[in-house]
Amino acid sequence: MDDMSIKDLAVELTVEITELCDTIKGKSVFTNQLLRSCSSIGANAHEAKYAHSRADFISKLEISLKECYETEYWLEVLYKVHSLSEIQYKTVSGKCGTIRRKLIASITTAKNNA
């Protein structure tokens, strides 16, 4: 899993979270927010590949990072309102954490090479 690109990991996470959200009833306010933030991680990482400049590249990755943090928030909310089991929560949170760490490393590298 660690050798996958950020975008590929984000697509995998989005698919998994979409399937989870399809099983959650009565919490559409939370699941809609979760789906938006999660899907935005990969979309912005993909856009970063086609950035116009290093600053644009960093900006897109920083947006992905913010969306990743938001995704972690909504996962925690759904877990605390008992819409996700502990195993589901730990699994998707762990994947989100992997993406977050890769984003931080990529942003740091891009800033240091500027």
PDB file of N, CA and C in Angstrom:
ATOM      1  N   MET A   1       0.826  -1.200   0.000  1.00  0.00           N
ATOM      2  CA  MET A   1       0.000   0.000   0.000  1.00  0.00           C
ATOM      3  C   MET A   1       0.866   1.257   0.000  1.00  0.00           C
ATOM      4  N   ASP A   2       2.037   1.214   0.638  1.00  0.00           N
ATOM      5  CA  ASP A   2       2.874   2.399   0.729  1.00  0.00           C
ATOM      6  C   ASP A   2       3.478   2.815  -0.601  1.00  0.00           C
ATOM      7  N   ASP A   3       3.555   1.905  -1.569  1.00  0.00           N
ATOM      8  CA  ASP A   3       4.145   2.276  -2.854  1.00  0.00           C
ATOM      9  C   ASP A   3       3.114   2.830  -3.834  1.00  0.00           C
ATOM     10  N   MET A   4       1.860   2.896  -3.431  1.00  0.00           N
ATOM     11  CA  MET A   4       0.817   3.461  -4.281  1.00  0.00           C
ATOM     12  C   MET A   4       0.890   4.983  -4.240  1.00  0.00           C
ATOM     13  N   SER A   5       0.449   5.621  -5.316  1.00  0.00           N
ATOM     14  CA  SER A   5       0.423   7.083  -5.347  1.00  0.00           C
ATOM     15  C   SER A   5      -0.680   7.603  -4.422  1.00  0.00           C
ATOM     16  N   ILE A   6      -0.545   8.866  -4.071  1.00  0.00           N
ATOM     17  CA  ILE A   6      -1.562   9.502  -3.222  1.00  0.00           C
ATOM     18  C   ILE A   6      -2.922   9.424  -3.907  1.00  0.00           C
ATOM     19  N   LYS A   7      -2.951   9.715  -5.197  1.00  0.00           N
ATOM     20  CA  LYS A   7      -4.229   9.696  -5.923  1.00  0.00           C
ATOM     21  C   LYS A   7      -4.836   8.300  -5.912  1.00  0.00           C
ATOM     22  N   ASP A   8      -4.008   7.274  -6.152  1.00  0.00           N
ATOM     23  CA  ASP A   8      -4.526   5.905  -6.163  1.00  0.00           C
ATOM     24  C   ASP A   8      -5.042   5.490  -4.785  1.00  0.00           C
ATOM     25  N   LEU A   9      -4.322   5.866  -3.744  1.00  0.00           N
ATOM     26  CA  LEU A   9      -4.787   5.579  -2.379  1.00  0.00           C
ATOM     27  C   LEU A   9      -6.093   6.307  -2.098  1.00  0.00           C
ATOM     28  N   ALA A  10      -6.191   7.547  -2.582  1.00  0.00           N
ATOM     29  CA  ALA A  10      -7.405   8.334  -2.350  1.00  0.00           C
ATOM     30  C   ALA A  10      -8.601   7.744  -3.096  1.00  0.00           C
ATOM     31  N   VAL A  11      -8.371   7.256  -4.309  1.00  0.00           N
ATOM     32  CA  VAL A  11      -9.459   6.607  -5.058  1.00  0.00           C
ATOM     33  C   VAL A  11      -9.924   5.367  -4.300  1.00  0.00           C
ATOM     34  N   GLU A  12      -8.984   4.572  -3.837  1.00  0.00           N
ATOM     35  CA  GLU A  12      -9.314   3.364  -3.076  1.00  0.00           C
ATOM     36  C   GLU A  12     -10.117   3.721  -1.817  1.00  0.00           C
ATOM     37  N   LEU A  13      -9.670   4.759  -1.114  1.00  0.00           N
ATOM     38  CA  LEU A  13     -10.377   5.195   0.095  1.00  0.00           C
ATOM     39  C   LEU A  13     -11.774   5.708  -0.246  1.00  0.00           C
ATOM     40  N   THR A  14     -11.894   6.464  -1.328  1.00  0.00           N
ATOM     41  CA  THR A  14     -13.200   7.000  -1.728  1.00  0.00           C
ATOM     42  C   THR A  14     -14.180   5.873  -2.051  1.00  0.00           C
ATOM     43  N   VAL A  15     -13.700   4.854  -2.733  1.00  0.00           N
ATOM     44  CA  VAL A  15     -14.560   3.707  -3.046  1.00  0.00           C
ATOM     45  C   VAL A  15     -15.019   3.031  -1.746  1.00  0.00           C
ATOM     46  N   GLU A  16     -14.088   2.815  -0.841  1.00  0.00           N
ATOM     47  CA  GLU A  16     -14.427   2.155   0.426  1.00  0.00           C
ATOM     48  C   GLU A  16     -15.408   2.994   1.249  1.00  0.00           C
ATOM     49  N   ILE A  17     -15.161   4.292   1.325  1.00  0.00           N
ATOM     50  CA  ILE A  17     -16.056   5.158   2.098  1.00  0.00           C
ATOM     51  C   ILE A  17     -17.422   5.270   1.432  1.00  0.00           C
ATOM     52  N   THR A  18     -17.458   5.293   0.111  1.00  0.00           N
ATOM     53  CA  THR A  18     -18.741   5.320  -0.603  1.00  0.00           C
ATOM     54  C   THR A  18     -19.562   4.086  -0.246  1.00  0.00           C
ATOM     55  N   GLU A  19     -18.918   2.935  -0.254  1.00  0.00           N
ATOM     56  CA  GLU A  19     -19.618   1.700   0.103  1.00  0.00           C
ATOM     57  C   GLU A  19     -20.094   1.727   1.554  1.00  0.00           C
ATOM     58  N   LEU A  20     -19.272   2.273   2.458  1.00  0.00           N
ATOM     59  CA  LEU A  20     -19.691   2.404   3.859  1.00  0.00           C
ATOM     60  C   LEU A  20     -20.883   3.343   3.990  1.00  0.00           C
ATOM     61  N   CYS A  21     -20.803   4.487   3.319  1.00  0.00           N
ATOM     62  CA  CYS A  21     -21.879   5.475   3.420  1.00  0.00           C
ATOM     63  C   CYS A  21     -23.198   4.938   2.876  1.00  0.00           C
ATOM     64  N   ASP A  22     -23.124   4.067   1.881  1.00  0.00           N
ATOM     65  CA  ASP A  22     -24.334   3.461   1.329  1.00  0.00           C
ATOM     66  C   ASP A  22     -25.070   2.614   2.368  1.00  0.00           C
ATOM     67  N   THR A  23     -24.370   2.159   3.393  1.00  0.00           N
ATOM     68  CA  THR A  23     -24.992   1.316   4.423  1.00  0.00           C
ATOM     69  C   THR A  23     -25.498   2.121   5.613  1.00  0.00           C
ATOM     70  N   ILE A  24     -25.138   3.396   5.685  1.00  0.00           N
ATOM     71  CA  ILE A  24     -25.516   4.236   6.834  1.00  0.00           C
ATOM     72  C   ILE A  24     -26.833   4.944   6.527  1.00  0.00           C
ATOM     73  N   LYS A  25     -27.786   4.725   7.370  1.00  0.00           N
ATOM     74  CA  LYS A  25     -29.116   5.324   7.188  1.00  0.00           C
ATOM     75  C   LYS A  25     -29.332   6.441   8.208  1.00  0.00           C
ATOM     76  N   GLY A  26     -30.003   7.506   7.784  1.00  0.00           N
ATOM     77  CA  GLY A  26     -30.409   8.567   8.696  1.00  0.00           C
ATOM     78  C   GLY A  26     -29.324   9.556   9.080  1.00  0.00           C
ATOM     79  N   LYS A  27     -28.190   9.492   8.443  1.00  0.00           N
ATOM     80  CA  LYS A  27     -27.101  10.423   8.777  1.00  0.00           C
ATOM     81  C   LYS A  27     -26.573  11.098   7.518  1.00  0.00           C
ATOM     82  N   SER A  28     -27.475  11.424   6.603  1.00  0.00           N
ATOM     83  CA  SER A  28     -27.053  11.953   5.300  1.00  0.00           C
ATOM     84  C   SER A  28     -26.296  13.277   5.407  1.00  0.00           C
ATOM     85  N   VAL A  29     -26.580  14.068   6.421  1.00  0.00           N
ATOM     86  CA  VAL A  29     -25.844  15.318   6.597  1.00  0.00           C
ATOM     87  C   VAL A  29     -24.358  15.011   6.770  1.00  0.00           C
ATOM     88  N   PHE A  30     -24.050  14.001   7.573  1.00  0.00           N
ATOM     89  CA  PHE A  30     -22.660  13.628   7.834  1.00  0.00           C
ATOM     90  C   PHE A  30     -22.050  12.867   6.660  1.00  0.00           C
ATOM     91  N   THR A  31     -22.803  11.922   6.108  1.00  0.00           N
ATOM     92  CA  THR A  31     -22.234  11.113   5.025  1.00  0.00           C
ATOM     93  C   THR A  31     -21.987  11.943   3.771  1.00  0.00           C
ATOM     94  N   ASN A  32     -22.851  12.913   3.491  1.00  0.00           N
ATOM     95  CA  ASN A  32     -22.627  13.786   2.333  1.00  0.00           C
ATOM     96  C   ASN A  32     -21.339  14.589   2.497  1.00  0.00           C
ATOM     97  N   GLN A  33     -21.118  15.120   3.688  1.00  0.00           N
ATOM     98  CA  GLN A  33     -19.891  15.874   3.957  1.00  0.00           C
ATOM     99  C   GLN A  33     -18.666  14.970   3.837  1.00  0.00           C
ATOM    100  N   LEU A  34     -18.784  13.767   4.362  1.00  0.00           N
ATOM    101  CA  LEU A  34     -17.677  12.807   4.303  1.00  0.00           C
ATOM    102  C   LEU A  34     -17.346  12.462   2.859  1.00  0.00           C
ATOM    103  N   LEU A  35     -18.349  12.190   2.058  1.00  0.00           N
ATOM    104  CA  LEU A  35     -18.114  11.848   0.655  1.00  0.00           C
ATOM    105  C   LEU A  35     -17.479  13.009  -0.109  1.00  0.00           C
ATOM    106  N   ARG A  36     -17.905  14.223   0.182  1.00  0.00           N
ATOM    107  CA  ARG A  36     -17.332  15.393  -0.500  1.00  0.00           C
ATOM    108  C   ARG A  36     -15.869  15.581  -0.138  1.00  0.00           C
ATOM    109  N   SER A  37     -15.568  15.529   1.159  1.00  0.00           N
ATOM    110  CA  SER A  37     -14.183  15.763   1.572  1.00  0.00           C
ATOM    111  C   SER A  37     -13.275  14.634   1.101  1.00  0.00           C
ATOM    112  N   CYS A  38     -13.741  13.410   1.207  1.00  0.00           N
ATOM    113  CA  CYS A  38     -12.928  12.259   0.801  1.00  0.00           C
ATOM    114  C   CYS A  38     -12.639  12.285  -0.697  1.00  0.00           C
ATOM    115  N   SER A  39     -13.650  12.534  -1.494  1.00  0.00           N
ATOM    116  CA  SER A  39     -13.439  12.534  -2.940  1.00  0.00           C
ATOM    117  C   SER A  39     -12.567  13.703  -3.387  1.00  0.00           C
ATOM    118  N   SER A  40     -12.548  14.756  -2.621  1.00  0.00           N
ATOM    119  CA  SER A  40     -11.728  15.914  -2.955  1.00  0.00           C
ATOM    120  C   SER A  40     -10.232  15.657  -2.744  1.00  0.00           C
ATOM    121  N   ILE A  41      -9.885  14.730  -1.865  1.00  0.00           N
ATOM    122  CA  ILE A  41      -8.469  14.411  -1.626  1.00  0.00           C
ATOM    123  C   ILE A  41      -7.816  13.985  -2.940  1.00  0.00           C
ATOM    124  N   GLY A  42      -8.389  12.993  -3.577  1.00  0.00           N
ATOM    125  CA  GLY A  42      -7.822  12.464  -4.813  1.00  0.00           C
ATOM    126  C   GLY A  42      -7.941  13.423  -5.975  1.00  0.00           C
ATOM    127  N   ALA A  43      -9.051  14.156  -6.031  1.00  0.00           N
ATOM    128  CA  ALA A  43      -9.239  15.102  -7.136  1.00  0.00           C
ATOM    129  C   ALA A  43      -8.151  16.174  -7.115  1.00  0.00           C
ATOM    130  N   ASN A  44      -7.855  16.700  -5.953  1.00  0.00           N
ATOM    131  CA  ASN A  44      -6.824  17.730  -5.858  1.00  0.00           C
ATOM    132  C   ASN A  44      -5.425  17.156  -6.043  1.00  0.00           C
ATOM    133  N   ALA A  45      -5.188  15.944  -5.571  1.00  0.00           N
ATOM    134  CA  ALA A  45      -3.892  15.299  -5.801  1.00  0.00           C
ATOM    135  C   ALA A  45      -3.682  15.055  -7.292  1.00  0.00           C
ATOM    136  N   HIS A  46      -4.741  14.672  -7.978  1.00  0.00           N
ATOM    137  CA  HIS A  46      -4.667  14.458  -9.427  1.00  0.00           C
ATOM    138  C   HIS A  46      -4.391  15.787 -10.142  1.00  0.00           C
ATOM    139  N   GLU A  47      -5.078  16.833  -9.731  1.00  0.00           N
ATOM    140  CA  GLU A  47      -4.858  18.155 -10.319  1.00  0.00           C
ATOM    141  C   GLU A  47      -3.429  18.628 -10.106  1.00  0.00           C
ATOM    142  N   ALA A  48      -2.837  18.286  -8.971  1.00  0.00           N
ATOM    143  CA  ALA A  48      -1.470  18.719  -8.653  1.00  0.00           C
ATOM    144  C   ALA A  48      -0.480  18.226  -9.701  1.00  0.00           C
ATOM    145  N   LYS A  49      -0.749  17.075 -10.282  1.00  0.00           N
ATOM    146  CA  LYS A  49       0.144  16.546 -11.315  1.00  0.00           C
ATOM    147  C   LYS A  49       0.228  17.474 -12.519  1.00  0.00           C
ATOM    148  N   TYR A  50      -0.782  18.273 -12.726  1.00  0.00           N
ATOM    149  CA  TYR A  50      -0.851  19.157 -13.885  1.00  0.00           C
ATOM    150  C   TYR A  50      -0.774  20.630 -13.475  1.00  0.00           C
ATOM    151  N   ALA A  51      -0.113  20.888 -12.373  1.00  0.00           N
ATOM    152  CA  ALA A  51       0.006  22.251 -11.855  1.00  0.00           C
ATOM    153  C   ALA A  51       0.815  23.127 -12.813  1.00  0.00           C
ATOM    154  N   HIS A  52       0.509  24.404 -12.777  1.00  0.00           N
ATOM    155  CA  HIS A  52       1.185  25.371 -13.645  1.00  0.00           C
ATOM    156  C   HIS A  52       2.539  25.801 -13.093  1.00  0.00           C
ATOM    157  N   SER A  53       2.725  25.617 -11.793  1.00  0.00           N
ATOM    158  CA  SER A  53       3.965  26.035 -11.153  1.00  0.00           C
ATOM    159  C   SER A  53       4.157  25.211  -9.878  1.00  0.00           C
ATOM    160  N   ARG A  54       5.328  25.331  -9.281  1.00  0.00           N
ATOM    161  CA  ARG A  54       5.579  24.645  -8.008  1.00  0.00           C
ATOM    162  C   ARG A  54       4.614  25.147  -6.935  1.00  0.00           C
ATOM    163  N   ALA A  55       4.357  26.460  -6.923  1.00  0.00           N
ATOM    164  CA  ALA A  55       3.425  27.031  -5.944  1.00  0.00           C
ATOM    165  C   ALA A  55       2.020  26.449  -6.132  1.00  0.00           C
ATOM    166  N   ASP A  56       1.601  26.306  -7.379  1.00  0.00           N
ATOM    167  CA  ASP A  56       0.293  25.715  -7.677  1.00  0.00           C
ATOM    168  C   ASP A  56       0.264  24.250  -7.234  1.00  0.00           C
ATOM    169  N   PHE A  57       1.353  23.529  -7.494  1.00  0.00           N
ATOM    170  CA  PHE A  57       1.480  22.127  -7.076  1.00  0.00           C
ATOM    171  C   PHE A  57       1.324  22.009  -5.564  1.00  0.00           C
ATOM    172  N   ILE A  58       2.061  22.837  -4.839  1.00  0.00           N
ATOM    173  CA  ILE A  58       2.004  22.814  -3.370  1.00  0.00           C
ATOM    174  C   ILE A  58       0.602  23.176  -2.894  1.00  0.00           C
ATOM    175  N   SER A  59       0.004  24.172  -3.509  1.00  0.00           N
ATOM    176  CA  SER A  59      -1.341  24.598  -3.125  1.00  0.00           C
ATOM    177  C   SER A  59      -2.357  23.467  -3.276  1.00  0.00           C
ATOM    178  N   LYS A  60      -2.283  22.746  -4.385  1.00  0.00           N
ATOM    179  CA  LYS A  60      -3.221  21.631  -4.618  1.00  0.00           C
ATOM    180  C   LYS A  60      -3.022  20.532  -3.570  1.00  0.00           C
ATOM    181  N   LEU A  61      -1.750  20.236  -3.264  1.00  0.00           N
ATOM    182  CA  LEU A  61      -1.483  19.213  -2.246  1.00  0.00           C
ATOM    183  C   LEU A  61      -1.940  19.675  -0.860  1.00  0.00           C
ATOM    184  N   GLU A  62      -1.797  20.958  -0.584  1.00  0.00           N
ATOM    185  CA  GLU A  62      -2.265  21.480   0.697  1.00  0.00           C
ATOM    186  C   GLU A  62      -3.788  21.409   0.809  1.00  0.00           C
ATOM    187  N   ILE A  63      -4.479  21.631  -0.297  1.00  0.00           N
ATOM    188  CA  ILE A  63      -5.939  21.474  -0.301  1.00  0.00           C
ATOM    189  C   ILE A  63      -6.288  20.010  -0.041  1.00  0.00           C
ATOM    190  N   SER A  64      -5.572  19.089  -0.682  1.00  0.00           N
ATOM    191  CA  SER A  64      -5.789  17.657  -0.434  1.00  0.00           C
ATOM    192  C   SER A  64      -5.599  17.337   1.041  1.00  0.00           C
ATOM    193  N   LEU A  65      -4.565  17.918   1.637  1.00  0.00           N
ATOM    194  CA  LEU A  65      -4.291  17.678   3.056  1.00  0.00           C
ATOM    195  C   LEU A  65      -5.426  18.194   3.934  1.00  0.00           C
ATOM    196  N   LYS A  66      -5.925  19.391   3.637  1.00  0.00           N
ATOM    197  CA  LYS A  66      -7.050  19.925   4.402  1.00  0.00           C
ATOM    198  C   LYS A  66      -8.273  19.021   4.274  1.00  0.00           C
ATOM    199  N   GLU A  67      -8.520  18.526   3.078  1.00  0.00           N
ATOM    200  CA  GLU A  67      -9.660  17.624   2.859  1.00  0.00           C
ATOM    201  C   GLU A  67      -9.455  16.304   3.589  1.00  0.00           C
ATOM    202  N   CYS A  68      -8.212  15.878   3.685  1.00  0.00           N
ATOM    203  CA  CYS A  68      -7.900  14.650   4.409  1.00  0.00           C
ATOM    204  C   CYS A  68      -8.225  14.821   5.903  1.00  0.00           C
ATOM    205  N   TYR A  69      -7.820  15.961   6.464  1.00  0.00           N
ATOM    206  CA  TYR A  69      -8.149  16.246   7.866  1.00  0.00           C
ATOM    207  C   TYR A  69      -9.665  16.310   8.063  1.00  0.00           C
ATOM    208  N   GLU A  70     -10.363  16.911   7.113  1.00  0.00           N
ATOM    209  CA  GLU A  70     -11.819  16.989   7.230  1.00  0.00           C
ATOM    210  C   GLU A  70     -12.442  15.599   7.158  1.00  0.00           C
ATOM    211  N   THR A  71     -11.913  14.757   6.287  1.00  0.00           N
ATOM    212  CA  THR A  71     -12.405  13.382   6.178  1.00  0.00           C
ATOM    213  C   THR A  71     -12.241  12.655   7.507  1.00  0.00           C
ATOM    214  N   GLU A  72     -11.092  12.837   8.137  1.00  0.00           N
ATOM    215  CA  GLU A  72     -10.861  12.204   9.448  1.00  0.00           C
ATOM    216  C   GLU A  72     -11.868  12.700  10.477  1.00  0.00           C
ATOM    217  N   TYR A  73     -12.202  13.976  10.410  1.00  0.00           N
ATOM    218  CA  TYR A  73     -13.195  14.541  11.327  1.00  0.00           C
ATOM    219  C   TYR A  73     -14.556  13.864  11.160  1.00  0.00           C
ATOM    220  N   TRP A  74     -15.026  13.781   9.891  1.00  0.00           N
ATOM    221  CA  TRP A  74     -16.350  13.198   9.654  1.00  0.00           C
ATOM    222  C   TRP A  74     -16.379  11.714  10.005  1.00  0.00           C
ATOM    223  N   LEU A  75     -15.269  11.017   9.799  1.00  0.00           N
ATOM    224  CA  LEU A  75     -15.200   9.618  10.215  1.00  0.00           C
ATOM    225  C   LEU A  75     -15.353   9.502  11.733  1.00  0.00           C
ATOM    226  N   GLU A  76     -14.691  10.400  12.445  1.00  0.00           N
ATOM    227  CA  GLU A  76     -14.797  10.385  13.910  1.00  0.00           C
ATOM    228  C   GLU A  76     -16.230  10.667  14.362  1.00  0.00           C
ATOM    229  N   VAL A  77     -16.865  11.633  13.725  1.00  0.00           N
ATOM    230  CA  VAL A  77     -18.258  11.952  14.070  1.00  0.00           C
ATOM    231  C   VAL A  77     -19.138  10.729  13.857  1.00  0.00           C
ATOM    232  N   LEU A  78     -19.023  10.096  12.700  1.00  0.00           N
ATOM    233  CA  LEU A  78     -19.858   8.919  12.411  1.00  0.00           C
ATOM    234  C   LEU A  78     -19.569   7.771  13.373  1.00  0.00           C
ATOM    235  N   TYR A  79     -18.331   7.636  13.776  1.00  0.00           N
ATOM    236  CA  TYR A  79     -17.994   6.602  14.765  1.00  0.00           C
ATOM    237  C   TYR A  79     -18.642   6.933  16.117  1.00  0.00           C
ATOM    238  N   LYS A  80     -18.559   8.194  16.516  1.00  0.00           N
ATOM    239  CA  LYS A  80     -19.081   8.595  17.832  1.00  0.00           C
ATOM    240  C   LYS A  80     -20.605   8.580  17.902  1.00  0.00           C
ATOM    241  N   VAL A  81     -21.278   8.669  16.742  1.00  0.00           N
ATOM    242  CA  VAL A  81     -22.747   8.550  16.751  1.00  0.00           C
ATOM    243  C   VAL A  81     -23.169   7.112  16.433  1.00  0.00           C
ATOM    244  N   HIS A  82     -22.198   6.220  16.518  1.00  0.00           N
ATOM    245  CA  HIS A  82     -22.431   4.772  16.377  1.00  0.00           C
ATOM    246  C   HIS A  82     -22.919   4.351  14.994  1.00  0.00           C
ATOM    247  N   SER A  83     -22.473   5.079  13.971  1.00  0.00           N
ATOM    248  CA  SER A  83     -22.808   4.697  12.606  1.00  0.00           C
ATOM    249  C   SER A  83     -21.702   3.884  11.945  1.00  0.00           C
ATOM    250  N   LEU A  84     -20.534   3.861  12.562  1.00  0.00           N
ATOM    251  CA  LEU A  84     -19.418   3.027  12.114  1.00  0.00           C
ATOM    252  C   LEU A  84     -18.971   2.165  13.275  1.00  0.00           C
ATOM    253  N   SER A  85     -18.649   0.920  12.973  1.00  0.00           N
ATOM    254  CA  SER A  85     -18.091   0.058  14.015  1.00  0.00           C
ATOM    255  C   SER A  85     -16.654   0.482  14.285  1.00  0.00           C
ATOM    256  N   GLU A  86     -16.100   0.002  15.363  1.00  0.00           N
ATOM    257  CA  GLU A  86     -14.711   0.338  15.696  1.00  0.00           C
ATOM    258  C   GLU A  86     -13.759  -0.159  14.609  1.00  0.00           C
ATOM    259  N   ILE A  87     -14.028  -1.346  14.100  1.00  0.00           N
ATOM    260  CA  ILE A  87     -13.160  -1.910  13.047  1.00  0.00           C
ATOM    261  C   ILE A  87     -13.261  -1.075  11.779  1.00  0.00           C
ATOM    262  N   GLN A  88     -14.476  -0.718  11.376  1.00  0.00           N
ATOM    263  CA  GLN A  88     -14.646   0.120  10.180  1.00  0.00           C
ATOM    264  C   GLN A  88     -13.923   1.450  10.365  1.00  0.00           C
ATOM    265  N   TYR A  89     -14.111   2.057  11.532  1.00  0.00           N
ATOM    266  CA  TYR A  89     -13.494   3.349  11.823  1.00  0.00           C
ATOM    267  C   TYR A  89     -11.973   3.253  11.772  1.00  0.00           C
ATOM    268  N   LYS A  90     -11.420   2.263  12.436  1.00  0.00           N
ATOM    269  CA  LYS A  90      -9.955   2.122  12.470  1.00  0.00           C
ATOM    270  C   LYS A  90      -9.392   1.822  11.081  1.00  0.00           C
ATOM    271  N   THR A  91     -10.103   1.035  10.300  1.00  0.00           N
ATOM    272  CA  THR A  91      -9.628   0.684   8.957  1.00  0.00           C
ATOM    273  C   THR A  91      -9.563   1.907   8.059  1.00  0.00           C
ATOM    274  N   VAL A  92     -10.666   2.630   7.941  1.00  0.00           N
ATOM    275  CA  VAL A  92     -10.672   3.785   7.039  1.00  0.00           C
ATOM    276  C   VAL A  92      -9.853   4.945   7.595  1.00  0.00           C
ATOM    277  N   SER A  93      -9.825   5.112   8.909  1.00  0.00           N
ATOM    278  CA  SER A  93      -8.987   6.156   9.504  1.00  0.00           C
ATOM    279  C   SER A  93      -7.513   5.865   9.266  1.00  0.00           C
ATOM    280  N   GLY A  94      -7.145   4.592   9.347  1.00  0.00           N
ATOM    281  CA  GLY A  94      -5.761   4.213   9.084  1.00  0.00           C
ATOM    282  C   GLY A  94      -5.352   4.517   7.665  1.00  0.00           C
ATOM    283  N   LYS A  95      -6.241   4.236   6.721  1.00  0.00           N
ATOM    284  CA  LYS A  95      -5.952   4.542   5.314  1.00  0.00           C
ATOM    285  C   LYS A  95      -5.860   6.053   5.099  1.00  0.00           C
ATOM    286  N   CYS A  96      -6.735   6.776   5.744  1.00  0.00           N
ATOM    287  CA  CYS A  96      -6.712   8.237   5.645  1.00  0.00           C
ATOM    288  C   CYS A  96      -5.401   8.766   6.250  1.00  0.00           C
ATOM    289  N   GLY A  97      -4.969   8.181   7.348  1.00  0.00           N
ATOM    290  CA  GLY A  97      -3.710   8.576   7.976  1.00  0.00           C
ATOM    291  C   GLY A  97      -2.515   8.336   7.070  1.00  0.00           C
ATOM    292  N   THR A  98      -2.535   7.232   6.336  1.00  0.00           N
ATOM    293  CA  THR A  98      -1.459   6.941   5.386  1.00  0.00           C
ATOM    294  C   THR A  98      -1.402   8.018   4.307  1.00  0.00           C
ATOM    295  N   ILE A  99      -2.557   8.387   3.790  1.00  0.00           N
ATOM    296  CA  ILE A  99      -2.623   9.441   2.769  1.00  0.00           C
ATOM    297  C   ILE A  99      -2.122  10.759   3.358  1.00  0.00           C
ATOM    298  N   ARG A 100      -2.554  11.077   4.577  1.00  0.00           N
ATOM    299  CA  ARG A 100      -2.144  12.321   5.226  1.00  0.00           C
ATOM    300  C   ARG A 100      -0.620  12.391   5.363  1.00  0.00           C
ATOM    301  N   ARG A 101      -0.012  11.310   5.813  1.00  0.00           N
ATOM    302  CA  ARG A 101       1.447  11.289   5.979  1.00  0.00           C
ATOM    303  C   ARG A 101       2.163  11.457   4.634  1.00  0.00           C
ATOM    304  N   LYS A 102       1.643  10.819   3.597  1.00  0.00           N
ATOM    305  CA  LYS A 102       2.244  10.960   2.260  1.00  0.00           C
ATOM    306  C   LYS A 102       2.095  12.393   1.745  1.00  0.00           C
ATOM    307  N   LEU A 103       0.957  13.000   1.991  1.00  0.00           N
ATOM    308  CA  LEU A 103       0.758  14.384   1.577  1.00  0.00           C
ATOM    309  C   LEU A 103       1.725  15.317   2.300  1.00  0.00           C
ATOM    310  N   ILE A 104       1.855  15.141   3.604  1.00  0.00           N
ATOM    311  CA  ILE A 104       2.765  15.983   4.381  1.00  0.00           C
ATOM    312  C   ILE A 104       4.193  15.830   3.860  1.00  0.00           C
ATOM    313  N   ALA A 105       4.613  14.595   3.594  1.00  0.00           N
ATOM    314  CA  ALA A 105       5.962  14.355   3.080  1.00  0.00           C
ATOM    315  C   ALA A 105       6.151  15.008   1.707  1.00  0.00           C
ATOM    316  N   SER A 106       5.153  14.887   0.851  1.00  0.00           N
ATOM    317  CA  SER A 106       5.248  15.471  -0.492  1.00  0.00           C
ATOM    318  C   SER A 106       5.293  16.989  -0.439  1.00  0.00           C
ATOM    319  N   ILE A 107       4.475  17.582   0.410  1.00  0.00           N
ATOM    320  CA  ILE A 107       4.456  19.039   0.563  1.00  0.00           C
ATOM    321  C   ILE A 107       5.791  19.525   1.096  1.00  0.00           C
ATOM    322  N   THR A 108       6.301  18.848   2.115  1.00  0.00           N
ATOM    323  CA  THR A 108       7.593  19.223   2.704  1.00  0.00           C
ATOM    324  C   THR A 108       8.706  19.143   1.673  1.00  0.00           C
ATOM    325  N   THR A 109       8.729  18.065   0.893  1.00  0.00           N
ATOM    326  CA  THR A 109       9.745  17.901  -0.146  1.00  0.00           C
ATOM    327  C   THR A 109       9.632  19.002  -1.195  1.00  0.00           C
ATOM    328  N   ALA A 110       8.409  19.279  -1.629  1.00  0.00           N
ATOM    329  CA  ALA A 110       8.214  20.313  -2.656  1.00  0.00           C
ATOM    330  C   ALA A 110       8.641  21.689  -2.142  1.00  0.00           C
ATOM    331  N   LYS A 111       8.342  21.983  -0.879  1.00  0.00           N
ATOM    332  CA  LYS A 111       8.736  23.278  -0.313  1.00  0.00           C
ATOM    333  C   LYS A 111      10.243  23.366  -0.148  1.00  0.00           C
ATOM    334  N   ASN A 112      10.876  22.270   0.242  1.00  0.00           N
ATOM    335  CA  ASN A 112      12.328  22.276   0.440  1.00  0.00           C
ATOM    336  C   ASN A 112      13.076  22.365  -0.885  1.00  0.00           C
ATOM    337  N   ASN A 113      12.462  21.908  -1.952  1.00  0.00           N
ATOM    338  CA  ASN A 113      13.100  21.940  -3.273  1.00  0.00           C
ATOM    339  C   ASN A 113      12.754  23.207  -4.053  1.00  0.00           C
ATOM    340  N   ALA A 114      12.016  24.095  -3.434  1.00  0.00           N
ATOM    341  CA  ALA A 114      11.576  25.324  -4.116  1.00  0.00           C
ATOM    342  C   ALA A 114      12.750  26.289  -4.291  1.00  0.00           C
TER     343      ALA A 114
END
